[in-house]
């Protein structure tokens, strides 16, 4: 599993555990538990957003390098290079789309 995948899973887990702890703290009127839960929930959200940002950067890099390779392939009339570049460019676009900024 990649580092980003692991961090994303950790973020989701922290967010969920934090939400539960926050709600339990509110239910039993324990302000400290509620605050600790909210903190953990926010830490999880920060991990998730960090992973998404990292993946968007990787996607942009793939998109740009793919576009360059595609153009070079066009100029030197190398169809294989052109196709490989177009595929990499599309892969980058998809990676960026899958990791759009979220408001959560």
Protein backbone atom coordinates (compact mmCIF):
# COMPACT_ATOMS: atom_id res chain seq x y z
CA UNK A 1 0.00 0.00 0.00
CA UNK A 2 1.34 3.44 -0.87
CA UNK A 3 2.17 6.02 1.74
CA UNK A 4 -0.70 8.24 0.56
CA UNK A 5 -3.16 5.35 0.73
CA UNK A 6 -2.07 4.59 4.28
CA UNK A 7 -2.34 8.26 5.29
CA UNK A 8 -5.78 8.50 3.69
CA UNK A 9 -7.03 5.46 5.62
CA UNK A 10 -5.54 6.86 8.83
CA UNK A 11 -7.31 10.16 8.16
CA UNK A 12 -10.66 8.49 7.64
CA UNK A 13 -10.20 6.43 10.82
CA UNK A 14 -9.15 9.45 12.89
CA UNK A 15 -12.08 11.46 11.59
CA UNK A 16 -14.55 8.69 12.46
CA UNK A 17 -13.09 7.94 15.89
CA UNK A 18 -12.96 11.64 16.67
CA UNK A 19 -16.61 12.11 15.70
CA UNK A 20 -17.67 9.24 17.96
CA UNK A 21 -15.61 10.53 20.89
CA UNK A 22 -16.95 14.06 20.37
CA UNK A 23 -20.55 12.83 20.34
CA UNK A 24 -20.07 10.58 23.38
CA UNK A 25 -18.49 13.51 25.23
CA UNK A 26 -21.46 15.70 24.34
CA UNK A 27 -23.93 13.01 25.38
CA UNK A 28 -22.36 12.50 28.80
CA UNK A 29 -21.62 16.22 29.24
CA UNK A 30 -17.84 15.74 29.30
CA UNK A 31 -16.36 18.84 27.68
CA UNK A 32 -12.79 17.52 27.69
CA UNK A 33 -13.79 14.31 25.88
CA UNK A 34 -15.86 16.33 23.42
CA UNK A 35 -12.90 18.67 22.73
CA UNK A 36 -10.47 15.75 22.32
CA UNK A 37 -12.87 14.13 19.89
CA UNK A 38 -13.20 17.31 17.87
CA UNK A 39 -9.41 17.65 17.75
CA UNK A 40 -8.97 14.09 16.50
CA UNK A 41 -11.72 14.62 13.94
CA UNK A 42 -9.92 17.74 12.63
CA UNK A 43 -6.58 15.91 12.57
CA UNK A 44 -8.17 13.21 10.42
CA UNK A 45 -9.61 15.80 8.07
CA UNK A 46 -6.18 17.45 7.76
CA UNK A 47 -4.59 14.11 6.81
CA UNK A 48 -7.24 13.53 4.16
CA UNK A 49 -6.81 17.01 2.67
CA UNK A 50 -3.02 16.59 2.68
CA UNK A 51 -3.28 13.35 0.71
CA UNK A 52 -5.72 14.91 -1.76
CA UNK A 53 -3.38 17.85 -2.33
CA UNK A 54 -0.42 15.53 -2.86
CA UNK A 55 -2.35 13.45 -5.38
CA UNK A 56 -3.46 16.59 -7.28
CA UNK A 57 0.19 17.65 -7.58
CA UNK A 58 1.16 14.20 -8.86
CA UNK A 59 -1.72 14.35 -11.33
CA UNK A 60 -0.66 17.77 -12.64
CA UNK A 61 2.90 16.51 -13.07
CA UNK A 62 1.67 13.48 -15.04
CA UNK A 63 -0.58 15.69 -17.15
CA UNK A 64 2.20 18.14 -18.04
CA UNK A 65 4.88 15.52 -18.71
CA UNK A 66 2.38 13.53 -20.78
CA UNK A 67 1.49 16.60 -22.84
CA UNK A 68 5.19 17.27 -23.47
CA UNK A 69 5.82 13.68 -24.52
CA UNK A 70 2.76 13.73 -26.77
CA UNK A 71 3.90 16.96 -28.47
CA UNK A 72 7.44 15.68 -28.93
CA UNK A 73 6.00 12.52 -30.47
CA UNK A 74 3.96 14.65 -32.87
CA UNK A 75 6.97 16.74 -33.86
CA UNK A 76 9.27 13.79 -34.49
CA UNK A 77 6.43 11.74 -35.97
CA UNK A 78 6.74 8.96 -33.42
CA UNK A 79 3.23 7.59 -32.99
CA UNK A 80 4.07 5.36 -30.05
CA UNK A 81 5.56 8.27 -28.11
CA UNK A 82 2.54 10.38 -28.98
CA UNK A 83 0.11 7.71 -27.72
CA UNK A 84 2.11 7.10 -24.53
CA UNK A 85 2.18 10.83 -23.86
CA UNK A 86 -1.57 11.17 -24.41
CA UNK A 87 -2.20 8.25 -22.04
CA UNK A 88 -0.02 9.77 -19.33
CA UNK A 89 -1.70 13.14 -19.83
CA UNK A 90 -5.14 11.54 -19.41
CA UNK A 91 -3.97 9.60 -16.35
CA UNK A 92 -2.89 12.86 -14.75
CA UNK A 93 -6.22 14.50 -15.51
CA UNK A 94 -8.07 11.58 -13.95
CA UNK A 95 -5.86 11.59 -10.83
CA UNK A 96 -6.57 15.29 -10.36
CA UNK A 97 -10.30 14.76 -10.84
CA UNK A 98 -10.39 11.98 -8.26
CA UNK A 99 -8.74 14.25 -5.71
CA UNK A 100 -10.69 17.47 -6.15
CA UNK A 101 -10.70 19.90 -3.25
CA UNK A 102 -13.45 18.95 -0.84
CA UNK A 103 -15.35 21.19 1.53
CA UNK A 104 -15.66 18.52 4.24
